Amino acid sequence: TFLIRLPLEEIWKPDITPFSAIEPPQTLTPKIAVVSKDGLVTYIPSQRLKLLCENEDGLIGPQGNCTLKFGSWTYSGNLLSLEASEISFLSELLPTPKYRITSAEQSIHDQYYPCCKESY
């Protein structure tokens, strides 16, 4: 199969970002995507994220739940389609002295605003 490797700066990429980021993500891998002849783009970055984690009470206790939201700031649901996939990365997360991640769930939520007929 024919594959081409391109720097990320040369291709379109969505602006998926954690809404609770304390600072911009730090990419730890080369910023190169693999593009197949049918147009499929594969890019799996290894990133260090610093995120604010709060529950409904505003505090995280010894066994608290933390909700992290990711999405696009500029693309509507008409232009960007996210898919939930199997969560298999828990063993790859770097440990922190403060928290231990024991499980994770994901869901997709479409948000509608009075201004617009498309979802965000």
N, C-alpha and C. Protein backbone atom coordinates (compact mmCIF):
# COMPACT_ATOMS: atom_id res chain seq x y z
N THR A 1 0.83 -1.19 0.00
CA THR A 1 0.00 0.00 0.00
C THR A 1 0.88 1.25 0.00
N PHE A 2 0.44 2.25 -0.71
CA PHE A 2 1.19 3.49 -0.86
C PHE A 2 0.89 4.43 0.30
N LEU A 3 1.93 4.85 1.01
CA LEU A 3 1.78 5.79 2.12
C LEU A 3 2.75 6.94 1.93
N ILE A 4 2.30 8.12 2.34
CA ILE A 4 3.16 9.30 2.29
C ILE A 4 3.16 9.92 3.68
N ARG A 5 4.29 10.41 4.09
CA ARG A 5 4.42 11.05 5.40
C ARG A 5 4.58 12.55 5.19
N LEU A 6 3.74 13.30 5.90
CA LEU A 6 3.72 14.76 5.74
C LEU A 6 3.81 15.44 7.09
N PRO A 7 4.51 16.57 7.15
CA PRO A 7 4.48 17.37 8.38
C PRO A 7 3.06 17.88 8.61
N LEU A 8 2.65 17.95 9.87
CA LEU A 8 1.30 18.39 10.20
C LEU A 8 0.99 19.78 9.65
N GLU A 9 1.98 20.62 9.53
CA GLU A 9 1.76 21.97 9.03
C GLU A 9 1.24 21.98 7.60
N GLU A 10 1.40 20.88 6.87
CA GLU A 10 1.01 20.81 5.46
C GLU A 10 -0.38 20.21 5.23
N ILE A 11 -1.06 19.79 6.30
CA ILE A 11 -2.38 19.20 6.12
C ILE A 11 -3.37 19.84 7.10
N TRP A 12 -4.66 19.73 6.76
CA TRP A 12 -5.70 20.23 7.66
C TRP A 12 -5.82 19.27 8.83
N LYS A 13 -6.00 19.83 10.01
CA LYS A 13 -6.26 19.01 11.19
C LYS A 13 -7.27 19.73 12.06
N PRO A 14 -8.16 18.98 12.70
CA PRO A 14 -9.18 19.62 13.54
C PRO A 14 -8.56 20.24 14.78
N ASP A 15 -9.26 21.19 15.35
CA ASP A 15 -8.76 21.87 16.56
C ASP A 15 -9.33 21.22 17.82
N ILE A 16 -9.27 19.90 17.91
CA ILE A 16 -9.76 19.19 19.09
C ILE A 16 -8.83 19.54 20.25
N THR A 17 -9.42 19.99 21.32
CA THR A 17 -8.63 20.45 22.45
C THR A 17 -9.37 20.14 23.75
N PRO A 18 -8.63 19.94 24.84
CA PRO A 18 -9.31 19.80 26.13
C PRO A 18 -9.78 21.18 26.59
N PHE A 19 -11.06 21.30 26.89
CA PHE A 19 -11.60 22.60 27.32
C PHE A 19 -11.10 23.00 28.69
N SER A 20 -10.61 22.06 29.48
CA SER A 20 -10.13 22.37 30.82
C SER A 20 -8.60 22.46 30.89
N ALA A 21 -7.95 22.72 29.77
CA ALA A 21 -6.48 22.78 29.75
C ALA A 21 -5.99 24.00 30.54
N ILE A 22 -4.96 23.77 31.32
CA ILE A 22 -4.31 24.85 32.07
C ILE A 22 -3.28 25.53 31.18
N GLU A 23 -2.70 24.76 30.26
CA GLU A 23 -1.74 25.29 29.29
C GLU A 23 -1.85 24.46 28.02
N PRO A 24 -1.33 24.95 26.91
CA PRO A 24 -1.45 24.19 25.65
C PRO A 24 -0.80 22.82 25.76
N PRO A 25 -1.34 21.81 25.06
CA PRO A 25 -0.73 20.47 25.10
C PRO A 25 0.71 20.51 24.58
N GLN A 26 1.55 19.69 25.18
CA GLN A 26 2.93 19.55 24.74
C GLN A 26 3.03 18.25 23.95
N THR A 27 3.33 18.34 22.66
CA THR A 27 3.45 17.15 21.83
C THR A 27 4.83 16.56 22.00
N LEU A 28 4.89 15.26 22.31
CA LEU A 28 6.15 14.59 22.62
C LEU A 28 6.68 13.76 21.46
N THR A 29 5.90 13.61 20.40
CA THR A 29 6.30 12.81 19.25
C THR A 29 6.50 13.71 18.04
N PRO A 30 7.15 13.22 17.00
CA PRO A 30 7.28 14.03 15.78
C PRO A 30 5.91 14.42 15.24
N LYS A 31 5.80 15.62 14.72
CA LYS A 31 4.52 16.11 14.20
C LYS A 31 4.40 15.73 12.72
N ILE A 32 4.24 14.42 12.51
CA ILE A 32 4.16 13.87 11.15
C ILE A 32 2.93 12.97 11.07
N ALA A 33 2.17 13.12 10.00
CA ALA A 33 0.99 12.29 9.75
C ALA A 33 1.30 11.34 8.59
N VAL A 34 0.62 10.20 8.60
CA VAL A 34 0.74 9.24 7.51
C VAL A 34 -0.55 9.30 6.71
N VAL A 35 -0.43 9.52 5.39
CA VAL A 35 -1.59 9.66 4.52
C VAL A 35 -1.57 8.52 3.50
N SER A 36 -2.70 7.79 3.40
CA SER A 36 -2.79 6.70 2.42
C SER A 36 -3.34 7.23 1.11
N LYS A 37 -3.24 6.44 0.07
CA LYS A 37 -3.67 6.89 -1.26
C LYS A 37 -5.17 7.16 -1.35
N ASP A 38 -5.97 6.58 -0.43
CA ASP A 38 -7.41 6.86 -0.44
C ASP A 38 -7.77 8.08 0.41
N GLY A 39 -6.75 8.78 0.95
CA GLY A 39 -6.99 10.01 1.68
C GLY A 39 -7.10 9.85 3.18
N LEU A 40 -7.02 8.63 3.70
CA LEU A 40 -7.09 8.41 5.14
C LEU A 40 -5.83 8.97 5.80
N VAL A 41 -6.02 9.81 6.80
CA VAL A 41 -4.91 10.42 7.52
C VAL A 41 -4.81 9.81 8.91
N THR A 42 -3.63 9.35 9.27
CA THR A 42 -3.39 8.78 10.59
C THR A 42 -2.37 9.63 11.31
N TYR A 43 -2.76 10.13 12.48
CA TYR A 43 -1.85 10.89 13.32
C TYR A 43 -2.23 10.58 14.76
N ILE A 44 -1.32 9.97 15.48
CA ILE A 44 -1.58 9.61 16.87
C ILE A 44 -0.49 10.28 17.72
N PRO A 45 -0.80 11.46 18.23
CA PRO A 45 0.23 12.17 18.99
C PRO A 45 0.37 11.64 20.41
N SER A 46 1.57 11.68 20.90
CA SER A 46 1.81 11.45 22.32
C SER A 46 1.92 12.84 22.92
N GLN A 47 1.01 13.16 23.83
CA GLN A 47 0.96 14.51 24.37
C GLN A 47 0.98 14.52 25.89
N ARG A 48 1.56 15.56 26.42
CA ARG A 48 1.48 15.82 27.86
C ARG A 48 0.44 16.91 28.04
N LEU A 49 -0.60 16.59 28.81
CA LEU A 49 -1.69 17.52 29.05
C LEU A 49 -1.70 17.93 30.52
N LYS A 50 -1.86 19.21 30.77
CA LYS A 50 -2.06 19.70 32.12
C LYS A 50 -3.48 20.24 32.17
N LEU A 51 -4.34 19.55 32.95
CA LEU A 51 -5.77 19.83 32.94
C LEU A 51 -6.27 20.17 34.34
N LEU A 52 -7.28 21.02 34.40
CA LEU A 52 -7.97 21.31 35.64
C LEU A 52 -9.01 20.23 35.85
N CYS A 53 -9.02 19.64 37.02
CA CYS A 53 -9.94 18.54 37.29
C CYS A 53 -10.81 18.90 38.48
N GLU A 54 -12.08 19.11 38.24
CA GLU A 54 -13.03 19.43 39.30
C GLU A 54 -14.28 18.58 39.11
N ASN A 55 -14.90 18.22 40.22
CA ASN A 55 -16.19 17.53 40.14
C ASN A 55 -17.30 18.54 40.39
N GLU A 56 -18.50 18.06 40.59
CA GLU A 56 -19.65 18.96 40.75
C GLU A 56 -19.49 19.89 41.96
N ASP A 57 -18.80 19.44 43.00
CA ASP A 57 -18.61 20.25 44.21
C ASP A 57 -17.44 21.21 44.08
N GLY A 58 -16.67 21.08 43.00
CA GLY A 58 -15.50 21.91 42.84
C GLY A 58 -14.26 21.34 43.50
N LEU A 59 -14.36 20.17 44.11
CA LEU A 59 -13.23 19.56 44.81
C LEU A 59 -13.07 18.12 44.37
N ILE A 60 -11.86 17.64 44.42
CA ILE A 60 -11.59 16.23 44.15
C ILE A 60 -11.09 15.61 45.46
N GLY A 61 -11.82 14.66 45.96
CA GLY A 61 -11.44 13.98 47.19
C GLY A 61 -10.58 12.77 46.89
N PRO A 62 -10.38 11.91 47.88
CA PRO A 62 -9.51 10.74 47.67
C PRO A 62 -10.03 9.78 46.61
N GLN A 63 -11.35 9.75 46.40
CA GLN A 63 -11.90 8.87 45.36
C GLN A 63 -12.87 9.65 44.49
N GLY A 64 -12.45 10.81 44.05
CA GLY A 64 -13.32 11.67 43.28
C GLY A 64 -13.41 11.27 41.82
N ASN A 65 -14.42 11.80 41.17
CA ASN A 65 -14.58 11.63 39.73
C ASN A 65 -14.20 12.93 39.05
N CYS A 66 -13.56 12.83 37.94
CA CYS A 66 -13.12 14.00 37.20
C CYS A 66 -13.68 13.91 35.78
N THR A 67 -14.38 14.94 35.34
CA THR A 67 -14.92 14.97 33.99
C THR A 67 -14.05 15.87 33.13
N LEU A 68 -13.54 15.33 32.05
CA LEU A 68 -12.72 16.09 31.11
C LEU A 68 -13.51 16.20 29.81
N LYS A 69 -13.58 17.40 29.26
CA LYS A 69 -14.31 17.62 28.02
C LYS A 69 -13.35 18.05 26.93
N PHE A 70 -13.49 17.38 25.78
CA PHE A 70 -12.68 17.70 24.61
C PHE A 70 -13.62 18.08 23.48
N GLY A 71 -13.19 18.97 22.62
CA GLY A 71 -14.01 19.34 21.48
C GLY A 71 -13.32 20.38 20.63
N SER A 72 -14.06 20.89 19.67
CA SER A 72 -13.56 21.90 18.75
C SER A 72 -14.11 23.26 19.14
N TRP A 73 -13.29 24.27 19.06
CA TRP A 73 -13.75 25.64 19.31
C TRP A 73 -14.38 26.25 18.07
N THR A 74 -14.05 25.75 16.89
CA THR A 74 -14.44 26.46 15.67
C THR A 74 -15.23 25.64 14.66
N TYR A 75 -15.26 24.32 14.78
CA TYR A 75 -15.94 23.50 13.78
C TYR A 75 -17.24 22.95 14.35
N SER A 76 -18.32 23.08 13.59
CA SER A 76 -19.62 22.56 14.02
C SER A 76 -19.68 21.05 13.77
N GLY A 77 -20.75 20.43 14.27
CA GLY A 77 -20.97 19.02 14.04
C GLY A 77 -21.18 18.68 12.58
N ASN A 78 -21.52 19.68 11.75
CA ASN A 78 -21.67 19.45 10.31
C ASN A 78 -20.31 19.26 9.64
N LEU A 79 -19.26 19.80 10.25
CA LEU A 79 -17.93 19.76 9.64
C LEU A 79 -16.97 18.79 10.31
N LEU A 80 -17.33 18.34 11.49
CA LEU A 80 -16.42 17.49 12.25
C LEU A 80 -17.23 16.41 12.94
N SER A 81 -16.84 15.18 12.75
CA SER A 81 -17.55 14.05 13.35
C SER A 81 -16.60 13.30 14.27
N LEU A 82 -16.91 13.29 15.56
CA LEU A 82 -16.09 12.55 16.52
C LEU A 82 -16.72 11.19 16.75
N GLU A 83 -15.89 10.20 17.02
CA GLU A 83 -16.37 8.86 17.29
C GLU A 83 -15.76 8.37 18.60
N ALA A 84 -16.57 7.71 19.40
CA ALA A 84 -16.06 7.08 20.61
C ALA A 84 -15.45 5.73 20.23
N SER A 85 -14.33 5.41 20.82
CA SER A 85 -13.68 4.13 20.55
C SER A 85 -13.33 3.47 21.87
N GLU A 86 -12.85 2.27 21.79
CA GLU A 86 -12.49 1.54 23.00
C GLU A 86 -11.37 2.27 23.74
N ILE A 87 -11.51 2.39 25.04
CA ILE A 87 -10.48 3.05 25.84
C ILE A 87 -9.45 2.00 26.22
N SER A 88 -8.24 2.13 25.69
CA SER A 88 -7.22 1.12 25.94
C SER A 88 -5.91 1.77 26.37
N PHE A 89 -5.93 3.03 26.74
CA PHE A 89 -4.69 3.75 26.99
C PHE A 89 -4.35 3.94 28.47
N LEU A 90 -5.17 3.44 29.38
CA LEU A 90 -4.94 3.71 30.81
C LEU A 90 -3.55 3.26 31.26
N SER A 91 -3.06 2.15 30.75
CA SER A 91 -1.74 1.67 31.15
C SER A 91 -0.62 2.54 30.59
N GLU A 92 -0.90 3.36 29.59
CA GLU A 92 0.12 4.21 28.98
C GLU A 92 0.23 5.58 29.63
N LEU A 93 -0.69 5.90 30.54
CA LEU A 93 -0.65 7.20 31.18
C LEU A 93 0.47 7.26 32.20
N LEU A 94 1.14 8.41 32.24
CA LEU A 94 2.21 8.58 33.22
C LEU A 94 1.60 8.81 34.60
N PRO A 95 2.15 8.17 35.60
CA PRO A 95 1.60 8.35 36.95
C PRO A 95 1.88 9.76 37.48
N THR A 96 1.02 10.21 38.35
CA THR A 96 1.23 11.48 39.04
C THR A 96 1.22 11.20 40.53
N PRO A 97 1.89 12.02 41.31
CA PRO A 97 1.91 11.77 42.75
C PRO A 97 0.56 12.02 43.41
N LYS A 98 -0.31 12.78 42.78
CA LYS A 98 -1.55 13.19 43.40
C LYS A 98 -2.74 12.30 43.06
N TYR A 99 -2.79 11.77 41.81
CA TYR A 99 -3.97 11.03 41.36
C TYR A 99 -3.57 9.71 40.73
N ARG A 100 -4.51 8.77 40.79
CA ARG A 100 -4.36 7.49 40.11
C ARG A 100 -5.64 7.26 39.31
N ILE A 101 -5.52 7.02 38.04
CA ILE A 101 -6.69 6.78 37.20
C ILE A 101 -6.98 5.29 37.21
N THR A 102 -8.17 4.94 37.67
CA THR A 102 -8.53 3.53 37.79
C THR A 102 -9.52 3.08 36.72
N SER A 103 -10.24 4.02 36.13
CA SER A 103 -11.16 3.66 35.06
C SER A 103 -11.48 4.92 34.26
N ALA A 104 -12.05 4.72 33.10
CA ALA A 104 -12.41 5.85 32.24
C ALA A 104 -13.62 5.47 31.41
N GLU A 105 -14.46 6.44 31.14
CA GLU A 105 -15.62 6.29 30.26
C GLU A 105 -15.61 7.45 29.29
N GLN A 106 -16.28 7.26 28.18
CA GLN A 106 -16.39 8.36 27.23
C GLN A 106 -17.78 8.36 26.60
N SER A 107 -18.19 9.54 26.20
CA SER A 107 -19.45 9.70 25.49
C SER A 107 -19.34 10.92 24.59
N ILE A 108 -20.23 10.98 23.64
CA ILE A 108 -20.27 12.13 22.73
C ILE A 108 -21.55 12.88 22.98
N HIS A 109 -21.43 14.18 23.14
CA HIS A 109 -22.57 15.03 23.45
C HIS A 109 -22.63 16.17 22.43
N ASP A 110 -23.73 16.29 21.74
CA ASP A 110 -23.93 17.41 20.82
C ASP A 110 -24.58 18.56 21.57
N GLN A 111 -23.97 19.73 21.49
CA GLN A 111 -24.49 20.92 22.15
C GLN A 111 -25.11 21.84 21.10
N TYR A 112 -26.34 22.27 21.35
CA TYR A 112 -27.01 23.21 20.45
C TYR A 112 -27.14 24.55 21.15
N TYR A 113 -26.94 25.63 20.40
CA TYR A 113 -27.04 26.99 20.93
C TYR A 113 -28.16 27.72 20.19
N PRO A 114 -28.80 28.72 20.83
CA PRO A 114 -29.92 29.45 20.19
C PRO A 114 -29.54 30.11 18.86
N CYS A 115 -28.27 30.44 18.69
CA CYS A 115 -27.86 31.13 17.47
C CYS A 115 -27.81 30.26 16.24
N CYS A 116 -27.69 28.96 16.46
CA CYS A 116 -27.28 28.13 15.33
C CYS A 116 -28.09 26.84 15.25
N LYS A 117 -28.32 26.37 14.02
CA LYS A 117 -29.07 25.13 13.86
C LYS A 117 -28.17 23.90 13.91
N GLU A 118 -26.85 24.06 13.71
CA GLU A 118 -25.94 22.92 13.78
C GLU A 118 -25.45 22.73 15.22
N SER A 119 -25.01 21.52 15.51
CA SER A 119 -24.52 21.20 16.84
C SER A 119 -23.03 21.55 16.97
N TYR A 120 -22.61 21.72 18.20
CA TYR A 120 -21.19 21.97 18.51
C TYR A 120 -20.75 21.04 19.59
